[in-house]
Protein backbone atom coordinates (compact mmCIF):
# COMPACT_ATOMS: atom_id res chain seq x y z
CA MET A 1 0.10 0.00 0.10
CA ASP A 2 1.18 3.30 -0.95
CA ARG A 3 2.36 5.51 1.98
CA ILE A 4 2.66 9.33 2.14
CA LEU A 5 6.13 10.65 2.67
CA ASN A 6 5.46 14.26 2.66
CA CYS A 7 2.57 16.55 1.51
CA ALA A 8 3.15 20.34 1.09
CA THR A 9 0.62 22.70 0.01
CA ILE A 10 2.00 25.66 -2.04
CA ARG A 11 -0.36 28.46 -1.38
CA LYS A 12 -2.03 30.43 -4.15
CA SER A 13 -0.03 28.78 -6.97
CA PHE A 14 -0.34 24.78 -6.93
CA ASN A 15 -0.52 21.87 -4.59
CA ALA A 16 2.22 19.28 -4.72
CA ALA A 17 2.01 15.95 -3.06
CA PHE A 18 4.76 13.25 -3.01
CA TYR A 19 3.73 9.62 -2.80
CA VAL A 20 5.72 6.34 -2.51
CA LYS A 21 4.76 4.34 -5.79
CA LYS A 22 6.76 1.41 -5.23
CA VAL A 23 10.01 0.08 -4.09
CA ASP A 24 12.47 -1.65 -6.70
CA PRO A 25 13.40 -5.02 -4.97
CA LEU A 26 16.63 -5.25 -6.84
CA SER A 27 18.28 -1.60 -6.16
CA GLY A 28 15.95 -0.89 -3.13
CA HIS A 29 15.37 2.58 -4.67
CA LEU A 30 12.13 4.50 -3.87
CA GLU A 31 10.35 5.35 -6.97
CA LEU A 32 8.36 8.79 -6.28
CA LEU A 33 5.28 9.87 -7.99
CA ILE A 34 4.81 13.77 -7.78
CA ASN A 35 1.34 15.09 -8.15
CA LEU A 36 0.87 18.75 -9.35
CA SER A 37 -2.50 19.99 -9.58
CA ILE A 38 -3.73 23.37 -10.36
CA PRO A 39 -6.73 24.75 -8.08
CA VAL A 40 -10.13 24.65 -9.62
CA PRO A 41 -11.88 27.98 -9.30
CA GLN A 42 -14.33 28.03 -6.43
CA GLY A 43 -13.30 24.39 -5.60
CA VAL A 44 -15.99 22.58 -3.37
CA SER A 45 -14.22 21.50 -0.24
CA ARG A 46 -15.17 19.53 2.78
CA GLY A 47 -14.04 22.65 4.60
CA SER A 48 -16.54 25.37 5.78
CA CYS A 49 -15.98 29.01 6.63
CA ARG A 50 -18.97 29.06 8.87
CA GLU A 51 -18.07 25.76 10.72
CA ALA A 52 -14.52 27.14 11.29
CA GLN A 53 -15.80 30.54 12.23
CA LEU A 54 -13.23 32.20 9.70
CA CYS A 55 -13.32 35.16 7.62
CA CYS A 56 -10.35 37.12 6.75
CA THR A 57 -9.60 40.24 4.73
CA GLY A 58 -6.92 40.65 2.14
CA ARG A 59 -4.52 37.75 1.80
CA ASP A 60 -3.96 35.56 4.79
CA GLY A 61 -2.21 32.19 4.42
CA SER A 62 -3.50 31.20 7.94
CA CYS A 63 -7.13 31.77 7.16
CA VAL A 64 -7.16 27.94 6.11
CA VAL A 65 -9.64 25.31 6.60
CA HIS A 66 -8.13 21.69 6.22
CA PRO A 67 -10.37 18.88 5.02
CA GLN A 68 -11.06 16.02 7.45
CA SER A 69 -9.37 13.36 5.33
CA TYR A 70 -6.33 15.35 4.54
CA ASN A 71 -3.75 12.80 6.07
CA SER A 72 -4.97 9.96 3.85
CA ILE A 73 -5.51 8.99 0.25
CA ASP A 74 -8.74 7.40 -0.20
CA SER A 75 -8.79 6.64 -3.96
CA ASP A 76 -7.43 7.81 -7.21
CA ASP A 77 -10.45 10.18 -7.56
CA ASP A 78 -9.37 12.15 -4.66
CA GLN A 79 -6.34 13.14 -6.82
CA HIS A 80 -8.62 14.69 -9.46
CA ASN A 81 -11.12 16.82 -7.22
CA ASP A 82 -10.88 19.34 -4.51
CA HIS A 83 -11.99 17.20 -1.51
CA GLY A 84 -8.43 16.40 -0.55
CA ARG A 85 -7.28 20.01 -0.59
CA PRO A 86 -7.36 22.77 2.04
CA CYS A 87 -9.67 25.64 1.32
CA TYR A 88 -9.59 29.38 2.25
CA CYS A 89 -11.53 32.02 3.84
CA ASP A 90 -9.53 35.07 2.85
CA HIS A 91 -10.61 37.39 0.29
CA ALA A 92 -7.46 36.62 -1.88
CA CYS A 93 -9.15 33.17 -2.51
CA LEU A 94 -11.59 34.92 -4.95
CA LYS A 95 -8.60 35.49 -7.25
CA VAL A 96 -6.83 32.10 -6.85
CA GLY A 97 -10.07 30.18 -6.87
CA ASP A 98 -9.37 27.93 -3.78
CA CYS A 99 -12.34 29.24 -1.59
CA CYS A 100 -14.17 27.29 0.76
CA HIS A 101 -17.84 26.43 -0.82
CA ASP A 102 -19.62 28.81 1.53
CA PHE A 103 -17.13 31.74 1.46
CA GLN A 104 -19.34 34.03 -0.60
CA GLN A 105 -22.27 33.35 1.63
CA VAL A 106 -20.53 33.85 4.85
CA CYS A 107 -17.58 36.17 4.10
CA GLY A 108 -18.67 38.10 0.91
CA ALA A 109 -18.62 41.90 1.28
CA LEU A 110 -22.13 43.21 2.07
CA ASP A 111 -22.89 46.96 1.53
CA CYS A 112 -25.27 48.76 3.97
CA GLN A 113 -28.80 48.60 2.89
CA VAL A 114 -31.44 51.22 3.73
CA SER A 115 -35.19 51.66 3.17
CA GLY A 116 -36.54 54.55 1.27
CA TRP A 117 -37.12 58.03 2.72
CA GLY A 118 -40.33 58.26 5.07
CA SER A 119 -42.70 61.17 4.83
CA TRP A 120 -41.73 64.57 5.82
CA SER A 121 -42.65 65.51 9.54
CA GLU A 122 -45.04 68.42 10.46
CA CYS A 123 -43.26 71.85 10.92
CA SER A 124 -41.59 72.17 14.06
CA VAL A 125 -43.53 75.57 14.88
CA ASP A 126 -47.07 76.39 14.31
CA CYS A 127 -46.30 79.88 13.29
CA GLY A 128 -43.19 81.38 11.98
CA ILE A 129 -39.93 79.57 10.76
CA GLY A 130 -39.12 76.23 11.82
CA THR A 131 -37.80 72.87 10.49
CA MET A 132 -39.17 69.62 9.32
CA SER A 133 -37.47 66.29 8.92
CA ARG A 134 -37.70 62.82 7.36
CA GLU A 135 -35.86 59.68 8.20
CA ARG A 136 -34.98 56.11 6.49
CA GLN A 137 -34.17 52.85 8.31
CA ILE A 138 -31.17 50.42 8.11
CA LEU A 139 -32.22 47.03 6.64
CA LYS A 140 -29.04 45.54 6.74
CA GLN A 141 -25.71 46.56 8.46
CA PRO A 142 -22.55 46.50 6.28
CA ARG A 143 -20.18 43.49 6.58
CA ASN A 144 -16.76 42.45 5.74
CA GLY A 145 -15.75 45.65 4.48
CA GLY A 146 -18.84 46.72 2.61
CA ALA A 147 -19.87 50.38 2.16
CA HIS A 148 -20.95 52.36 5.12
CA CYS A 149 -24.64 53.60 5.61
CA PRO A 150 -25.66 56.77 3.98
CA GLU A 151 -27.26 59.51 6.09
CA LEU A 152 -30.42 58.53 7.79
CA LEU A 153 -31.69 61.97 8.55
CA GLN A 154 -32.70 64.99 6.36
CA LYS A 155 -33.87 68.45 7.63
CA ARG A 156 -35.25 71.32 5.68
CA SER A 157 -36.65 74.73 6.87
CA CYS A 158 -40.51 75.36 6.81
CA SER A 159 -42.94 78.00 7.74
CA GLY A 160 -45.68 77.38 10.08
CA SER A 161 -48.99 78.65 8.67
CA HIS A 162 -51.31 78.07 11.89
CA CYS A 163 -50.66 81.07 13.79
CA GLY A 164 -53.00 81.19 16.65
CA ALA A 165 -55.24 83.79 18.01
CA LYS A 166 -52.68 84.81 20.52
CA THR A 167 -50.04 85.50 17.88
CA HIS A 168 -52.67 87.54 16.11
CA ALA A 169 -53.79 89.52 19.25
CA LYS A 170 -50.20 90.73 19.69
CA ALA A 171 -49.72 91.72 16.09
CA ASN A 172 -53.05 93.44 16.35
CA ARG A 173 -51.82 95.73 19.22
CA GLU A 174 -48.49 96.65 17.42
CA THR A 175 -48.33 100.10 15.70
CA ALA A 176 -46.16 100.31 12.78
CA MET A 177 -43.61 103.17 12.79
CA ILE A 178 -42.87 104.16 9.21
CA LEU A 179 -40.70 106.67 7.15
CA PRO A 180 -40.58 107.31 3.31
CA ALA A 181 -38.77 104.70 1.38
CA SER A 182 -36.07 107.17 0.31
CA TYR A 183 -34.67 106.82 4.03
CA SER A 184 -33.81 103.28 3.10
CA THR A 185 -30.64 104.23 1.11
CA ILE A 186 -29.54 106.26 4.10
CA ARG A 187 -29.25 103.29 6.51
CA GLN A 188 -27.17 101.18 4.03
CA LEU A 189 -23.88 100.93 5.73
CA ASN A 190 -20.63 101.75 3.83
CA ALA A 191 -18.57 98.90 4.54
CA THR A 192 -15.33 100.81 3.61
CA GLN A 193 -15.84 103.40 6.47
CA ASP A 194 -17.16 100.91 8.96
CA ILE A 195 -14.71 100.64 11.87
CA ARG A 196 -16.09 96.94 12.54
CA SER A 197 -14.53 95.89 9.27
CA ASN A 198 -11.12 96.46 11.00
CA LEU A 199 -11.86 94.38 13.98
CA ARG A 200 -10.70 90.73 14.28
CA LEU A 201 -13.82 89.52 15.87
CA ARG A 202 -15.90 87.06 14.25
CA TYR A 203 -19.41 86.60 15.40
CA ARG A 204 -21.50 83.59 14.68
CA LYS A 205 -24.50 84.24 12.37
CA ASP A 206 -27.99 83.40 13.46
CA PRO A 207 -29.12 80.61 10.97
CA GLU A 208 -32.66 81.67 11.36
CA GLU A 209 -31.69 85.32 10.59
CA GLU A 210 -29.76 84.21 7.50
CA LYS A 211 -32.85 82.34 6.18
CA SER A 212 -35.19 85.10 6.67
CA LYS A 213 -35.57 87.55 3.64
CA GLU A 214 -36.94 91.03 3.20
CA TYR A 215 -40.45 91.23 2.24
CA CYS A 216 -43.07 93.93 1.22
CA VAL A 217 -46.44 94.29 2.84
CA VAL A 218 -49.37 96.09 1.03
CA PHE A 219 -51.95 98.01 3.25
CA GLU A 220 -55.06 99.71 2.54
CA VAL A 221 -55.54 102.85 4.64
CA THR A 222 -58.85 102.84 6.53
CA LYS A 223 -58.44 106.13 8.59
CA ALA A 224 -55.79 108.88 8.91
CA LYS A 225 -55.58 111.93 11.23
CA LYS A 226 -55.97 115.43 9.58
CA ALA A 227 -52.45 116.25 10.66
CA CYS A 228 -51.12 114.03 7.84
CA GLU A 229 -52.18 116.59 5.23
CA SER A 230 -49.50 119.07 6.54
CA LEU A 231 -46.75 116.65 5.44
CA GLY A 232 -47.18 117.66 1.84
CA ASN A 233 -48.82 115.93 -1.08
CA ALA A 234 -45.95 113.74 -1.58
CA VAL A 235 -46.78 111.87 1.69
CA SER A 236 -50.21 112.89 2.48
CA THR A 237 -51.79 111.60 -0.77
CA MET A 238 -50.45 108.05 0.06
CA LEU A 239 -52.00 108.05 3.63
CA GLU A 240 -55.47 109.11 2.60
CA LYS A 241 -58.36 106.77 3.33
CA GLY A 242 -58.61 104.02 0.75
CA ALA A 243 -55.16 104.53 -0.55
CA LYS A 244 -52.93 101.37 -0.99
CA VAL A 245 -49.57 101.77 0.12
CA CYS A 246 -46.34 99.29 -0.07
CA VAL A 247 -44.16 99.16 3.15
CA ILE A 248 -40.90 97.11 2.87
CA CYS A 249 -39.42 95.18 5.82
CA GLU A 250 -35.88 95.32 5.50
CA THR A 251 -33.37 93.34 7.35
CA ALA A 252 -32.30 96.05 9.66
CA ALA A 253 -35.86 96.58 10.92
CA LYS A 254 -36.45 92.78 11.64
CA ARG A 255 -36.82 91.84 15.22
CA LYS A 256 -35.52 88.65 16.56
CA HIS A 257 -37.98 88.07 19.35
CA LEU A 258 -40.87 88.41 16.76
CA GLY A 259 -39.36 85.87 14.50
CA TYR A 260 -37.35 88.08 12.27
CA ARG A 261 -40.29 90.13 11.07
CA CYS A 262 -40.91 93.74 11.33
CA HIS A 263 -42.84 95.27 14.23
CA GLY A 264 -46.35 96.31 13.17
CA HIS A 265 -46.55 94.19 9.95
CA GLY A 266 -50.27 93.71 10.68
CA VAL A 267 -52.77 90.89 10.26
CA ASP A 268 -54.51 90.06 6.93
CA HIS A 269 -57.59 91.81 6.56
CA LYS A 270 -57.53 93.00 10.10
CA PRO A 271 -57.19 96.93 11.05
CA THR A 272 -53.90 97.83 12.85
CA SER A 273 -52.29 101.22 13.58
CA PHE A 274 -49.54 103.21 12.02
CA ALA A 275 -47.74 106.35 12.83
CA TYR A 276 -45.32 108.49 10.90
CA LEU A 277 -41.94 108.57 12.86
CA ALA A 278 -40.84 111.89 11.74
CA PHE A 279 -44.18 113.63 12.46
CA PRO A 280 -46.06 111.47 15.16
CA GLN A 281 -48.95 113.77 14.94
CA CYS A 282 -49.79 111.86 11.69
CA HIS A 283 -51.11 108.44 12.51
CA GLY A 284 -54.17 106.38 11.60
CA ARG A 285 -55.29 102.81 10.83
CA TRP A 286 -54.89 100.39 7.90
CA LYS A 287 -55.36 96.54 7.12
CA ARG A 288 -53.08 94.30 5.45
CA ILE A 289 -54.05 93.07 2.18
CA GLN A 290 -50.92 91.10 1.01
CA VAL A 291 -47.48 89.96 1.78
CA SER A 292 -44.92 89.30 -0.93
CA GLU A 293 -41.32 89.23 -1.82
CA LYS A 294 -41.49 92.40 -3.94
CA CYS A 295 -43.53 95.47 -3.92
CA SER A 296 -46.35 95.84 -6.55
CA CYS A 297 -47.99 99.20 -5.76
CA ASN A 298 -46.41 101.02 -8.77
CA SER A 299 -44.99 100.15 -12.16
CA GLU A 300 -41.41 100.47 -10.69
CA GLY A 301 -41.95 97.97 -8.14
CA LYS A 302 -40.69 100.26 -5.59
CA ALA A 303 -41.98 100.68 -1.84
CA ASP A 304 -43.60 103.75 -0.48
CA PHE A 305 -42.54 103.30 2.99
CA ILE A 306 -40.20 101.40 5.19
CA PHE A 307 -40.68 99.91 8.51
CA VAL A 308 -38.45 101.26 11.27
């Protein structure tokens, strides 16, 4: 019976086994049979990565599973199949073709899998600027070097449209202080002459302020004091009963505690008060008709007054 003298497996290239074929009775010399076999891609081996609890990244010669009958030669058929060879559970086996039969199932790279986006949530505030969000869930965690999970939460800004009676009541009590729109250019800062430009301080900006934009409010005058007539035709005619005027809310006039809106910007179709800042004796009542990004009271799209 043949007997194994030596068995060496050359990793990643070929398997070499040396067997005693026969002994010459005259010379006493051993006749050796050298068996070289090239690995068959994805050879089916008696070894199992799952049973051996092996999974290795890259190239690792120690990440090997030896077959149960590795130390014996059962038949000539074993010399022509993969049952008598060790198999590997490292990722290099994919190139060489000597993976254990369950390598792909047990050790294959698996990217993170996530569900689709859910619905957007309700706005975080009932009235004013807030945020809304949506989420998605992890279906399968990444495994064996697979791609990491993408973002699971998205947020965007929103505007609450359910302003309660309390908010309206406050706005109803506010008096809008106004000046002619020509004053708008006066309060534009000259950055080259501003002392703050030479300071090395950097102030954090309020994200809510950054998101807020200037807007224009259209009012219809319902009542004005007779004192307004003394302001001259340029102003008095715009503050007559029935007149429609555009008042712009600029960034400089916005109030943080009011949600970055202008004081006295009114409530839709409700009468509120106004006063001419340069001549307080001129005051009256008006009702808000419209709020828009741009003024539309004249063909030039310019405002008549500014909030102060």
